[in-house]
Amino acid sequence: MIEKFSAGDKVYLIHLKETGVVTRLNGAEMVYVQLPDMEIPVYCTDITRTFPQQESVKKNATSGKPAGQATVVTNKEPVKKGSNEICLVFIPLKLSSGDIESFRVMLINDTAFSINFRYRFFLSGNINFKLDSVVLPEQYCLLHELLLDVLNEAPEFDLYIRDTKNEVLTGDLAQKVKPQNFFNKSGIVSLTGEEGYMYKVPVRAMKKIVPKEIVKPAAKIDVSMLKDMMMFSPPNKDHELGTASGEVDLHIEKVPGYVPGMSNAEMLHLQLEQFQQKLDRAIAGGLDRVYFIHGVGKGKLRMEIHRMLQHRKEVKSFNNNYHPKYSYGATEVILH
């Protein structure tokens, strides 16, 4: 049953994990919520009057801490940009009761370099998800989602990273996830300030070869290295992006790179990558507003877009108001 809200209600945003105040209603299913730095539209199913702290107190007073459940450490200051770390993080997604239902798996690049990465996630020894891509400096990349119960199956992940110029750094991390150790890795995620569980990628500085002689020997082609570089070289998407546009259709069949048979996580990643590229192009092109068409559906793409917009200083405001052309299936972004 959908909770009913009125202007002035203090609410908790389930997916964004923030508190706010309802400012006005938007039909029977949506309201506007004022956050510390902006007002955003949300569906009533995405907010609640029950706050995690209240739920935690209630559990401790009755049955104690749920068996097998962990509490994320909250007494740490958010890590600011400039930590110069690359981390694989698991952001918990909680039910209205405060219990963890699943995790959003992300790669955080808090360095000054663009990073090529190769990621593999294994279940029972088989690849369950894989992605080869690029994450820009001081940005993050959504990889996939993971149900809490899967942690009991001892999943494994393998991650290899290096800077796109292949000059500065490289690193790799292979890990079997064990629940008893996993929940000890809690902290505050850099860039986003969210609570999560983190695996820091050990990074090594690449050695530069200094020639000993003035006369350079004839260059030799290392075939294996050439293949490796070709695999990691990101495609030039300038021809796909075109000029800045005031309307961007993010329906998956309209997104370059879509191939039938992709998993939901792969499709969402592709859509969010297109969203970030088009938003950057709109900002660089000096547009004052742009509409991102995401459709109505279950709202997963819309929620991720709204969450990402909150962390962009170039965004003055955004809304999901009714539009005669898009109905409620597009977000209008107002740029500075």
C-alpha atoms as a PDB file:
ATOM      1  CA  MET A   1       0.000   0.000   0.000  1.00  0.00           C
ATOM      2  CA  ILE A   2       1.381   3.423  -1.002  1.00  0.00           C
ATOM      3  CA  GLU A   3       1.901   5.847   1.888  1.00  0.00           C
ATOM      4  CA  LYS A   4       0.097   9.169   1.655  1.00  0.00           C
ATOM      5  CA  PHE A   5       2.136  12.329   2.145  1.00  0.00           C
ATOM      6  CA  SER A   6       1.414  16.010   2.697  1.00  0.00           C
ATOM      7  CA  ALA A   7       3.481  19.168   2.342  1.00  0.00           C
ATOM      8  CA  GLY A   8       5.748  19.538   5.358  1.00  0.00           C
ATOM      9  CA  ASP A   9       6.217  15.796   5.989  1.00  0.00           C
ATOM     10  CA  LYS A  10       9.777  14.811   6.859  1.00  0.00           C
ATOM     11  CA  VAL A  11      10.686  11.730   4.799  1.00  0.00           C
ATOM     12  CA  TYR A  12      13.521   9.318   4.073  1.00  0.00           C
ATOM     13  CA  LEU A  13      14.515   8.668   0.442  1.00  0.00           C
ATOM     14  CA  ILE A  14      15.015   4.905   0.306  1.00  0.00           C
ATOM     15  CA  HIS A  15      17.357   4.663  -2.687  1.00  0.00           C
ATOM     16  CA  LEU A  16      19.278   7.918  -2.212  1.00  0.00           C
ATOM     17  CA  LYS A  17      19.559   7.254   1.536  1.00  0.00           C
ATOM     18  CA  GLU A  18      18.881  10.928   2.387  1.00  0.00           C
ATOM     19  CA  THR A  19      16.312  12.825   4.413  1.00  0.00           C
ATOM     20  CA  GLY A  20      14.182  15.665   3.109  1.00  0.00           C
ATOM     21  CA  VAL A  21      10.894  17.521   3.450  1.00  0.00           C
ATOM     22  CA  VAL A  22       7.885  17.199   1.153  1.00  0.00           C
ATOM     23  CA  THR A  23       7.220  20.609  -0.411  1.00  0.00           C
ATOM     24  CA  ARG A  24       4.276  19.858  -2.730  1.00  0.00           C
ATOM     25  CA  LEU A  25       2.321  17.067  -4.355  1.00  0.00           C
ATOM     26  CA  ASN A  26       2.572  16.085  -8.009  1.00  0.00           C
ATOM     27  CA  GLY A  27      -0.457  13.926  -8.755  1.00  0.00           C
ATOM     28  CA  ALA A  28      -1.442  10.840  -6.790  1.00  0.00           C
ATOM     29  CA  GLU A  29       1.908   9.007  -7.081  1.00  0.00           C
ATOM     30  CA  MET A  30       4.610  11.686  -6.922  1.00  0.00           C
ATOM     31  CA  VAL A  31       5.749  14.477  -4.614  1.00  0.00           C
ATOM     32  CA  TYR A  32       8.540  17.052  -4.556  1.00  0.00           C
ATOM     33  CA  VAL A  33      11.117  16.731  -1.785  1.00  0.00           C
ATOM     34  CA  GLN A  34      13.473  19.489  -0.663  1.00  0.00           C
ATOM     35  CA  LEU A  35      17.027  18.248  -0.033  1.00  0.00           C
ATOM     36  CA  PRO A  36      19.775  20.441   1.473  1.00  0.00           C
ATOM     37  CA  ASP A  37      20.842  21.783  -1.931  1.00  0.00           C
ATOM     38  CA  MET A  38      17.914  21.236  -4.323  1.00  0.00           C
ATOM     39  CA  GLU A  39      14.308  20.160  -4.786  1.00  0.00           C
ATOM     40  CA  ILE A  40      13.695  16.894  -6.636  1.00  0.00           C
ATOM     41  CA  PRO A  41      10.634  14.897  -7.764  1.00  0.00           C
ATOM     42  CA  VAL A  42      10.230  11.388  -6.344  1.00  0.00           C
ATOM     43  CA  TYR A  43       7.644   8.625  -6.463  1.00  0.00           C
ATOM     44  CA  CYS A  44       5.763   7.951  -3.224  1.00  0.00           C
ATOM     45  CA  THR A  45       6.998   4.352  -3.320  1.00  0.00           C
ATOM     46  CA  ASP A  46      10.595   5.635  -3.063  1.00  0.00           C
ATOM     47  CA  ILE A  47      10.112   7.521   0.228  1.00  0.00           C
ATOM     48  CA  THR A  48       8.931   6.656   3.734  1.00  0.00           C
ATOM     49  CA  ARG A  49       8.291   8.273   7.102  1.00  0.00           C
ATOM     50  CA  THR A  50      10.246   5.469   8.781  1.00  0.00           C
ATOM     51  CA  PHE A  51      13.886   6.406   9.285  1.00  0.00           C
ATOM     52  CA  PRO A  52      16.729   3.821   9.540  1.00  0.00           C
ATOM     53  CA  GLN A  53      17.767   5.076  12.977  1.00  0.00           C
ATOM     54  CA  GLN A  54      14.253   4.562  14.331  1.00  0.00           C
ATOM     55  CA  GLU A  55      14.074   1.082  12.846  1.00  0.00           C
ATOM     56  CA  SER A  56      17.459   0.188  14.354  1.00  0.00           C
ATOM     57  CA  VAL A  57      16.398   1.327  17.820  1.00  0.00           C
ATOM     58  CA  LYS A  58      13.191  -0.686  17.538  1.00  0.00           C
ATOM     59  CA  LYS A  59      15.092  -3.871  16.606  1.00  0.00           C
ATOM     60  CA  ASN A  60      17.634  -3.479  19.371  1.00  0.00           C
ATOM     61  CA  ALA A  61      14.863  -3.013  21.932  1.00  0.00           C
ATOM     62  CA  THR A  62      13.013  -6.165  20.857  1.00  0.00           C
ATOM     63  CA  SER A  63      14.958  -8.925  19.195  1.00  0.00           C
ATOM     64  CA  GLY A  64      18.447  -7.418  18.953  1.00  0.00           C
ATOM     65  CA  LYS A  65      20.560  -7.165  15.829  1.00  0.00           C
ATOM     66  CA  PRO A  66      19.311  -9.435  13.003  1.00  0.00           C
ATOM     67  CA  ALA A  67      21.446 -12.536  12.591  1.00  0.00           C
ATOM     68  CA  GLY A  68      23.892 -12.314   9.699  1.00  0.00           C
ATOM     69  CA  GLN A  69      23.150  -8.633   9.122  1.00  0.00           C
ATOM     70  CA  ALA A  70      25.830  -5.948   9.328  1.00  0.00           C
ATOM     71  CA  THR A  71      25.587  -2.295  10.222  1.00  0.00           C
ATOM     72  CA  VAL A  72      27.544   0.178   8.128  1.00  0.00           C
ATOM     73  CA  VAL A  73      29.852   2.393  10.169  1.00  0.00           C
ATOM     74  CA  THR A  74      28.443   5.927  10.199  1.00  0.00           C
ATOM     75  CA  ASN A  75      30.821   7.755  12.531  1.00  0.00           C
ATOM     76  CA  LYS A  76      33.358   8.516   9.814  1.00  0.00           C
ATOM     77  CA  GLU A  77      33.795  11.773   7.947  1.00  0.00           C
ATOM     78  CA  PRO A  78      33.131  11.571   4.179  1.00  0.00           C
ATOM     79  CA  VAL A  79      36.305  11.161   2.155  1.00  0.00           C
ATOM     80  CA  LYS A  80      36.825  14.190  -0.064  1.00  0.00           C
ATOM     81  CA  LYS A  81      38.083  14.123  -3.636  1.00  0.00           C
ATOM     82  CA  GLY A  82      41.797  13.686  -3.891  1.00  0.00           C
ATOM     83  CA  SER A  83      42.230  10.468  -1.897  1.00  0.00           C
ATOM     84  CA  ASN A  84      44.142   9.200  -4.955  1.00  0.00           C
ATOM     85  CA  GLU A  85      42.620   5.737  -4.631  1.00  0.00           C
ATOM     86  CA  ILE A  86      40.858   3.299  -6.915  1.00  0.00           C
ATOM     87  CA  CYS A  87      38.308   1.132  -5.118  1.00  0.00           C
ATOM     88  CA  LEU A  88      35.709  -1.493  -5.883  1.00  0.00           C
ATOM     89  CA  VAL A  89      32.765  -0.643  -3.637  1.00  0.00           C
ATOM     90  CA  PHE A  90      29.495  -2.288  -2.665  1.00  0.00           C
ATOM     91  CA  ILE A  91      26.780   0.263  -1.824  1.00  0.00           C
ATOM     92  CA  PRO A  92      23.952  -1.345   0.217  1.00  0.00           C
ATOM     93  CA  LEU A  93      20.385  -0.882  -1.027  1.00  0.00           C
ATOM     94  CA  LYS A  94      17.999  -1.180   1.898  1.00  0.00           C
ATOM     95  CA  LEU A  95      14.355  -1.994   2.375  1.00  0.00           C
ATOM     96  CA  SER A  96      12.079   0.407   4.226  1.00  0.00           C
ATOM     97  CA  SER A  97      12.783  -1.721   7.320  1.00  0.00           C
ATOM     98  CA  GLY A  98      16.466  -0.798   7.074  1.00  0.00           C
ATOM     99  CA  ASP A  99      17.589  -4.342   6.164  1.00  0.00           C
ATOM    100  CA  ILE A 100      20.001  -4.739   3.264  1.00  0.00           C
ATOM    101  CA  GLU A 101      18.372  -6.279   0.202  1.00  0.00           C
ATOM    102  CA  SER A 102      21.142  -5.936  -2.378  1.00  0.00           C
ATOM    103  CA  PHE A 103      24.277  -3.996  -3.322  1.00  0.00           C
ATOM    104  CA  ARG A 104      25.158  -1.599  -6.106  1.00  0.00           C
ATOM    105  CA  VAL A 105      28.673  -2.569  -7.254  1.00  0.00           C
ATOM    106  CA  MET A 106      30.744   0.406  -8.455  1.00  0.00           C
ATOM    107  CA  LEU A 107      34.305   1.223  -9.461  1.00  0.00           C
ATOM    108  CA  ILE A 108      35.541   4.484  -7.899  1.00  0.00           C
ATOM    109  CA  ASN A 109      38.363   6.332  -9.655  1.00  0.00           C
ATOM    110  CA  ASP A 110      39.491   9.064  -7.267  1.00  0.00           C
ATOM    111  CA  THR A 111      42.674   9.850  -9.219  1.00  0.00           C
ATOM    112  CA  ALA A 112      43.674  12.440 -11.803  1.00  0.00           C
ATOM    113  CA  PHE A 113      43.921   9.824 -14.569  1.00  0.00           C
ATOM    114  CA  SER A 114      41.455   8.132 -16.906  1.00  0.00           C
ATOM    115  CA  ILE A 115      41.506   4.420 -16.162  1.00  0.00           C
ATOM    116  CA  ASN A 116      41.000   1.407 -18.418  1.00  0.00           C
ATOM    117  CA  PHE A 117      39.594  -1.552 -16.515  1.00  0.00           C
ATOM    118  CA  ARG A 118      38.720  -5.188 -17.060  1.00  0.00           C
ATOM    119  CA  TYR A 119      36.224  -6.588 -14.556  1.00  0.00           C
ATOM    120  CA  ARG A 120      35.033 -10.186 -14.129  1.00  0.00           C
ATOM    121  CA  PHE A 121      32.536 -11.461 -11.531  1.00  0.00           C
ATOM    122  CA  PHE A 122      32.377 -15.226 -10.885  1.00  0.00           C
ATOM    123  CA  LEU A 123      29.762 -17.520  -9.336  1.00  0.00           C
ATOM    124  CA  SER A 124      30.586 -21.210  -8.891  1.00  0.00           C
ATOM    125  CA  GLY A 125      33.688 -20.688 -11.001  1.00  0.00           C
ATOM    126  CA  ASN A 126      31.754 -19.324 -13.985  1.00  0.00           C
ATOM    127  CA  ILE A 127      31.684 -15.726 -15.245  1.00  0.00           C
ATOM    128  CA  ASN A 128      28.394 -14.193 -14.129  1.00  0.00           C
ATOM    129  CA  PHE A 129      29.151 -10.646 -15.295  1.00  0.00           C
ATOM    130  CA  LYS A 130      31.984  -8.971 -17.194  1.00  0.00           C
ATOM    131  CA  LEU A 131      32.783  -5.481 -18.404  1.00  0.00           C
ATOM    132  CA  ASP A 132      35.742  -3.820 -20.136  1.00  0.00           C
ATOM    133  CA  SER A 133      35.477  -0.035 -20.140  1.00  0.00           C
ATOM    134  CA  VAL A 134      36.941   3.321 -19.095  1.00  0.00           C
ATOM    135  CA  VAL A 135      36.239   5.451 -16.016  1.00  0.00           C
ATOM    136  CA  LEU A 136      37.201   9.130 -16.130  1.00  0.00           C
ATOM    137  CA  PRO A 137      39.203  11.021 -13.458  1.00  0.00           C
ATOM    138  CA  GLU A 138      37.294  11.614 -10.207  1.00  0.00           C
ATOM    139  CA  GLN A 139      34.307   9.695 -11.568  1.00  0.00           C
ATOM    140  CA  TYR A 140      32.714   6.336 -10.840  1.00  0.00           C
ATOM    141  CA  CYS A 141      31.272   3.563 -12.970  1.00  0.00           C
ATOM    142  CA  LEU A 142      28.234   1.459 -12.074  1.00  0.00           C
ATOM    143  CA  LEU A 143      29.057  -2.190 -12.771  1.00  0.00           C
ATOM    144  CA  HIS A 144      26.069  -4.279 -11.660  1.00  0.00           C
ATOM    145  CA  GLU A 145      23.818  -5.123  -8.730  1.00  0.00           C
ATOM    146  CA  LEU A 146      24.271  -8.039  -6.347  1.00  0.00           C
ATOM    147  CA  LEU A 147      21.661  -9.646  -4.083  1.00  0.00           C
ATOM    148  CA  LEU A 148      22.624 -10.027  -0.419  1.00  0.00           C
ATOM    149  CA  ASP A 149      22.011 -13.800  -0.492  1.00  0.00           C
ATOM    150  CA  VAL A 150      24.665 -14.239  -3.200  1.00  0.00           C
ATOM    151  CA  LEU A 151      27.369 -13.455  -0.616  1.00  0.00           C
ATOM    152  CA  ASN A 152      26.709 -16.891   0.883  1.00  0.00           C
ATOM    153  CA  GLU A 153      27.797 -18.488  -2.417  1.00  0.00           C
ATOM    154  CA  ALA A 154      31.400 -17.240  -2.013  1.00  0.00           C
ATOM    155  CA  PRO A 155      31.465 -15.157  -5.201  1.00  0.00           C
ATOM    156  CA  GLU A 156      34.768 -13.991  -6.682  1.00  0.00           C
ATOM    157  CA  PHE A 157      35.819 -10.957  -8.663  1.00  0.00           C
ATOM    158  CA  ASP A 158      38.871 -10.170 -10.759  1.00  0.00           C
ATOM    159  CA  LEU A 159      39.789  -6.578 -11.617  1.00  0.00           C
ATOM    160  CA  TYR A 160      42.656  -5.239 -13.703  1.00  0.00           C
ATOM    161  CA  ILE A 161      43.282  -1.499 -14.154  1.00  0.00           C
ATOM    162  CA  ARG A 162      45.777   0.836 -15.805  1.00  0.00           C
ATOM    163  CA  ASP A 163      45.786   4.432 -17.018  1.00  0.00           C
ATOM    164  CA  THR A 164      44.586   4.952 -20.583  1.00  0.00           C
ATOM    165  CA  LYS A 165      47.978   6.242 -21.726  1.00  0.00           C
ATOM    166  CA  ASN A 166      49.694   3.177 -20.285  1.00  0.00           C
ATOM    167  CA  GLU A 167      52.338   5.398 -18.709  1.00  0.00           C
ATOM    168  CA  VAL A 168      51.566   6.072 -15.063  1.00  0.00           C
ATOM    169  CA  LEU A 169      49.943   3.262 -13.077  1.00  0.00           C
ATOM    170  CA  THR A 170      48.607  -0.251 -13.166  1.00  0.00           C
ATOM    171  CA  GLY A 171      47.038  -2.592 -10.637  1.00  0.00           C
ATOM    172  CA  ASP A 172      44.977  -5.714 -10.138  1.00  0.00           C
ATOM    173  CA  LEU A 173      42.760  -7.233  -7.487  1.00  0.00           C
ATOM    174  CA  ALA A 174      41.492 -10.820  -7.297  1.00  0.00           C
ATOM    175  CA  GLN A 175      39.273 -11.603  -4.331  1.00  0.00           C
ATOM    176  CA  LYS A 176      36.900 -14.252  -3.028  1.00  0.00           C
ATOM    177  CA  VAL A 177      34.132 -12.538  -1.058  1.00  0.00           C
ATOM    178  CA  LYS A 178      33.532 -14.050   2.390  1.00  0.00           C
ATOM    179  CA  PRO A 179      30.667 -12.562   4.449  1.00  0.00           C
ATOM    180  CA  GLN A 180      32.615 -12.634   7.719  1.00  0.00           C
ATOM    181  CA  ASN A 181      35.350 -10.432   6.177  1.00  0.00           C
ATOM    182  CA  PHE A 182      33.156  -8.459   3.789  1.00  0.00           C
ATOM    183  CA  PHE A 183      31.185  -6.687   6.519  1.00  0.00           C
ATOM    184  CA  ASN A 184      34.417  -5.536   8.181  1.00  0.00           C
ATOM    185  CA  LYS A 185      35.264  -3.373   5.162  1.00  0.00           C
ATOM    186  CA  SER A 186      32.670  -0.671   5.829  1.00  0.00           C
ATOM    187  CA  GLY A 187      33.377   3.011   5.433  1.00  0.00           C
ATOM    188  CA  ILE A 188      32.460   6.195   3.582  1.00  0.00           C
ATOM    189  CA  VAL A 189      32.960   6.100  -0.173  1.00  0.00           C
ATOM    190  CA  SER A 190      34.970   8.914  -1.725  1.00  0.00           C
ATOM    191  CA  LEU A 191      33.312  11.036  -4.436  1.00  0.00           C
ATOM    192  CA  THR A 192      29.761  10.037  -3.432  1.00  0.00           C
ATOM    193  CA  GLY A 193      29.931  10.218   0.386  1.00  0.00           C
ATOM    194  CA  GLU A 194      27.768   7.084   0.596  1.00  0.00           C
ATOM    195  CA  GLU A 195      28.186   4.294   3.128  1.00  0.00           C
ATOM    196  CA  GLY A 196      29.528   1.079   1.653  1.00  0.00           C
ATOM    197  CA  TYR A 197      31.972  -1.820   1.736  1.00  0.00           C
ATOM    198  CA  MET A 198      35.261  -1.178  -0.040  1.00  0.00           C
ATOM    199  CA  TYR A 199      38.111  -3.121  -1.616  1.00  0.00           C
ATOM    200  CA  LYS A 200      41.074  -0.858  -2.387  1.00  0.00           C
ATOM    201  CA  VAL A 201      42.940  -1.766  -5.580  1.00  0.00           C
ATOM    202  CA  PRO A 202      46.711  -2.008  -4.988  1.00  0.00           C
ATOM    203  CA  VAL A 203      48.251   0.386  -7.511  1.00  0.00           C
ATOM    204  CA  ARG A 204      51.806   0.198  -8.843  1.00  0.00           C
ATOM    205  CA  ALA A 205      53.686   3.003 -10.554  1.00  0.00           C
ATOM    206  CA  MET A 206      54.833   2.033 -14.046  1.00  0.00           C
ATOM    207  CA  LYS A 207      58.563   2.186 -14.673  1.00  0.00           C
ATOM    208  CA  LYS A 208      59.743   4.414 -17.494  1.00  0.00           C
ATOM    209  CA  ILE A 209      62.499   2.942 -19.657  1.00  0.00           C
ATOM    210  CA  VAL A 210      65.381   5.397 -20.180  1.00  0.00           C
ATOM    211  CA  PRO A 211      67.575   4.571 -23.181  1.00  0.00           C
ATOM    212  CA  LYS A 212      71.256   4.123 -22.332  1.00  0.00           C
ATOM    213  CA  GLU A 213      72.501   5.068 -25.774  1.00  0.00           C
ATOM    214  CA  ILE A 214      71.855   8.057 -27.949  1.00  0.00           C
ATOM    215  CA  VAL A 215      71.318   5.851 -30.983  1.00  0.00           C
ATOM    216  CA  LYS A 216      67.984   4.132 -30.551  1.00  0.00           C
ATOM    217  CA  PRO A 217      67.623   0.543 -31.717  1.00  0.00           C
ATOM    218  CA  ALA A 218      65.066  -0.302 -34.356  1.00  0.00           C
ATOM    219  CA  ALA A 219      61.593  -0.505 -32.922  1.00  0.00           C
ATOM    220  CA  LYS A 220      60.202  -3.985 -32.415  1.00  0.00           C
ATOM    221  CA  ILE A 221      56.529  -4.761 -32.434  1.00  0.00           C
ATOM    222  CA  ASP A 222      55.326  -6.761 -29.455  1.00  0.00           C
ATOM    223  CA  VAL A 223      52.280  -8.549 -30.895  1.00  0.00           C
ATOM    224  CA  SER A 224      50.824  -9.552 -27.519  1.00  0.00           C
ATOM    225  CA  MET A 225      51.176  -5.996 -26.176  1.00  0.00           C
ATOM    226  CA  LEU A 226      49.590  -4.607 -29.348  1.00  0.00           C
ATOM    227  CA  LYS A 227      46.586  -6.910 -28.937  1.00  0.00           C
ATOM    228  CA  ASP A 228      46.304  -5.944 -25.273  1.00  0.00           C
ATOM    229  CA  MET A 229      46.360  -2.230 -26.089  1.00  0.00           C
ATOM    230  CA  MET A 230      43.758  -2.681 -28.817  1.00  0.00           C
ATOM    231  CA  MET A 231      41.497  -4.482 -26.371  1.00  0.00           C
ATOM    232  CA  PHE A 232      41.639  -1.626 -23.893  1.00  0.00           C
ATOM    233  CA  SER A 233      41.556   1.318 -26.296  1.00  0.00           C
ATOM    234  CA  PRO A 234      38.153   2.991 -25.846  1.00  0.00           C
ATOM    235  CA  PRO A 235      36.300   3.610 -29.115  1.00  0.00           C
ATOM    236  CA  ASN A 236      36.115   7.152 -30.425  1.00  0.00           C
ATOM    237  CA  LYS A 237      32.490   8.038 -29.869  1.00  0.00           C
ATOM    238  CA  ASP A 238      32.599  11.602 -31.181  1.00  0.00           C
ATOM    239  CA  HIS A 239      30.778  10.527 -34.314  1.00  0.00           C
ATOM    240  CA  GLU A 240      28.080   8.927 -32.177  1.00  0.00           C
ATOM    241  CA  LEU A 241      27.625  11.865 -29.815  1.00  0.00           C
ATOM    242  CA  GLY A 242      27.396  14.581 -32.456  1.00  0.00           C
ATOM    243  CA  THR A 243      26.707  18.129 -31.342  1.00  0.00           C
ATOM    244  CA  ALA A 244      25.068  19.105 -28.076  1.00  0.00           C
ATOM    245  CA  SER A 245      21.361  18.269 -28.100  1.00  0.00           C
ATOM    246  CA  GLY A 246      18.503  19.555 -26.005  1.00  0.00           C
ATOM    247  CA  GLU A 247      16.747  16.172 -26.176  1.00  0.00           C
ATOM    248  CA  VAL A 248      18.415  12.824 -25.457  1.00  0.00           C
ATOM    249  CA  ASP A 249      16.558   9.534 -25.896  1.00  0.00           C
ATOM    250  CA  LEU A 250      17.941   6.918 -23.476  1.00  0.00           C
ATOM    251  CA  HIS A 251      15.632   4.077 -24.496  1.00  0.00           C
ATOM    252  CA  ILE A 252      18.023   1.172 -24.840  1.00  0.00           C
ATOM    253  CA  GLU A 253      17.341   0.553 -28.535  1.00  0.00           C
ATOM    254  CA  LYS A 254      18.438   4.153 -29.222  1.00  0.00           C
ATOM    255  CA  VAL A 255      21.749   3.866 -27.354  1.00  0.00           C
ATOM    256  CA  PRO A 256      24.901   3.170 -29.439  1.00  0.00           C
ATOM    257  CA  GLY A 257      26.525  -0.113 -28.517  1.00  0.00           C
ATOM    258  CA  TYR A 258      23.316  -1.927 -27.574  1.00  0.00           C
ATOM    259  CA  VAL A 259      23.251  -5.585 -28.592  1.00  0.00           C
ATOM    260  CA  PRO A 260      20.178  -7.806 -28.102  1.00  0.00           C
ATOM    261  CA  GLY A 261      20.764 -10.316 -25.327  1.00  0.00           C
ATOM    262  CA  MET A 262      22.535  -7.925 -22.954  1.00  0.00           C
ATOM    263  CA  SER A 263      21.786  -8.356 -19.248  1.00  0.00           C
ATOM    264  CA  ASN A 264      19.792  -5.701 -17.385  1.00  0.00           C
ATOM    265  CA  ALA A 265      22.969  -4.527 -15.635  1.00  0.00           C
ATOM    266  CA  GLU A 266      24.843  -4.202 -18.938  1.00  0.00           C
ATOM    267  CA  MET A 267      21.985  -2.236 -20.506  1.00  0.00           C
ATOM    268  CA  LEU A 268      21.730   0.099 -17.505  1.00  0.00           C
ATOM    269  CA  HIS A 269      25.479   0.714 -17.589  1.00  0.00           C
ATOM    270  CA  LEU A 270      25.295   1.536 -21.302  1.00  0.00           C
ATOM    271  CA  GLN A 271      22.394   3.954 -20.756  1.00  0.00           C
ATOM    272  CA  LEU A 272      24.139   5.735 -17.871  1.00  0.00           C
ATOM    273  CA  GLU A 273      27.354   6.004 -19.883  1.00  0.00           C
ATOM    274  CA  GLN A 274      25.372   7.624 -22.709  1.00  0.00           C
ATOM    275  CA  PHE A 275      23.666   9.925 -20.178  1.00  0.00           C
ATOM    276  CA  GLN A 276      26.999  11.138 -18.783  1.00  0.00           C
ATOM    277  CA  GLN A 277      28.458  11.697 -22.248  1.00  0.00           C
ATOM    278  CA  LYS A 278      25.437  13.639 -23.475  1.00  0.00           C
ATOM    279  CA  LEU A 279      25.279  15.703 -20.273  1.00  0.00           C
ATOM    280  CA  ASP A 280      28.965  16.610 -20.641  1.00  0.00           C
ATOM    281  CA  ARG A 281      28.362  17.552 -24.273  1.00  0.00           C
ATOM    282  CA  ALA A 282      25.385  19.742 -23.311  1.00  0.00           C
ATOM    283  CA  ILE A 283      27.478  21.528 -20.661  1.00  0.00           C
ATOM    284  CA  ALA A 284      30.394  22.025 -23.057  1.00  0.00           C
ATOM    285  CA  GLY A 285      27.973  23.244 -25.737  1.00  0.00           C
ATOM    286  CA  GLY A 286      26.567  25.943 -23.461  1.00  0.00           C
ATOM    287  CA  LEU A 287      22.983  24.646 -23.394  1.00  0.00           C
ATOM    288  CA  ASP A 288      20.791  26.020 -20.623  1.00  0.00           C
ATOM    289  CA  ARG A 289      18.548  22.949 -20.458  1.00  0.00           C
ATOM    290  CA  VAL A 290      18.285  19.416 -21.787  1.00  0.00           C
ATOM    291  CA  TYR A 291      15.599  16.712 -21.606  1.00  0.00           C
ATOM    292  CA  PHE A 292      16.695  13.124 -20.913  1.00  0.00           C
ATOM    293  CA  ILE A 293      14.017  10.669 -22.056  1.00  0.00           C
ATOM    294  CA  HIS A 294      14.111   7.591 -19.824  1.00  0.00           C
ATOM    295  CA  GLY A 295      10.506   6.383 -19.967  1.00  0.00           C
ATOM    296  CA  VAL A 296       8.357   5.527 -16.976  1.00  0.00           C
ATOM    297  CA  GLY A 297       8.807   1.770 -16.432  1.00  0.00           C
ATOM    298  CA  LYS A 298      10.025   0.695 -12.989  1.00  0.00           C
ATOM    299  CA  GLY A 299      12.048   3.890 -12.566  1.00  0.00           C
ATOM    300  CA  LYS A 300      15.502   2.327 -12.130  1.00  0.00           C
ATOM    301  CA  LEU A 301      17.141   4.417 -14.877  1.00  0.00           C
ATOM    302  CA  ARG A 302      15.352   7.556 -13.681  1.00  0.00           C
ATOM    303  CA  MET A 303      16.510   7.065 -10.073  1.00  0.00           C
ATOM    304  CA  GLU A 304      20.137   6.519 -11.113  1.00  0.00           C
ATOM    305  CA  ILE A 305      20.032   9.640 -13.311  1.00  0.00           C
ATOM    306  CA  HIS A 306      18.593  11.729 -10.461  1.00  0.00           C
ATOM    307  CA  ARG A 307      21.212  10.400  -8.045  1.00  0.00           C
ATOM    308  CA  MET A 308      24.031  11.281 -10.448  1.00  0.00           C
ATOM    309  CA  LEU A 309      22.630  14.746 -11.164  1.00  0.00           C
ATOM    310  CA  GLN A 310      22.844  15.641  -7.478  1.00  0.00           C
ATOM    311  CA  HIS A 311      26.632  15.371  -7.653  1.00  0.00           C
ATOM    312  CA  ARG A 312      27.069  17.607 -10.723  1.00  0.00           C
ATOM    313  CA  LYS A 313      27.893  21.208  -9.794  1.00  0.00           C
ATOM    314  CA  GLU A 314      26.940  22.361 -13.311  1.00  0.00           C
ATOM    315  CA  VAL A 315      23.305  21.362 -12.672  1.00  0.00           C
ATOM    316  CA  LYS A 316      21.152  24.175 -11.319  1.00  0.00           C
ATOM    317  CA  SER A 317      18.022  22.012 -10.884  1.00  0.00           C
ATOM    318  CA  PHE A 318      16.105  19.137 -12.440  1.00  0.00           C
ATOM    319  CA  ASN A 319      12.544  17.880 -12.423  1.00  0.00           C
ATOM    320  CA  ASN A 320      10.336  15.062 -13.612  1.00  0.00           C
ATOM    321  CA  ASN A 321       7.213  17.166 -14.155  1.00  0.00           C
ATOM    322  CA  TYR A 322       4.461  16.176 -16.546  1.00  0.00           C
ATOM    323  CA  HIS A 323       5.315  17.230 -20.101  1.00  0.00           C
ATOM    324  CA  PRO A 324       2.819  17.149 -22.992  1.00  0.00           C
ATOM    325  CA  LYS A 325       5.389  15.414 -25.198  1.00  0.00           C
ATOM    326  CA  TYR A 326       7.041  13.010 -22.721  1.00  0.00           C
ATOM    327  CA  SER A 327       4.352  12.637 -20.033  1.00  0.00           C
ATOM    328  CA  TYR A 328       6.347  11.610 -16.892  1.00  0.00           C
ATOM    329  CA  GLY A 329       8.967   9.785 -18.968  1.00  0.00           C
ATOM    330  CA  ALA A 330      11.646  12.494 -19.128  1.00  0.00           C
ATOM    331  CA  THR A 331      13.769  14.533 -16.731  1.00  0.00           C
ATOM    332  CA  GLU A 332      14.364  18.205 -17.492  1.00  0.00           C
ATOM    333  CA  VAL A 333      17.852  19.357 -16.438  1.00  0.00           C
ATOM    334  CA  ILE A 334      18.494  23.092 -15.982  1.00  0.00           C
ATOM    335  CA  LEU A 335      22.165  24.007 -16.341  1.00  0.00           C
ATOM    336  CA  HIS A 336      24.039  27.001 -14.919  1.00  0.00           C
END
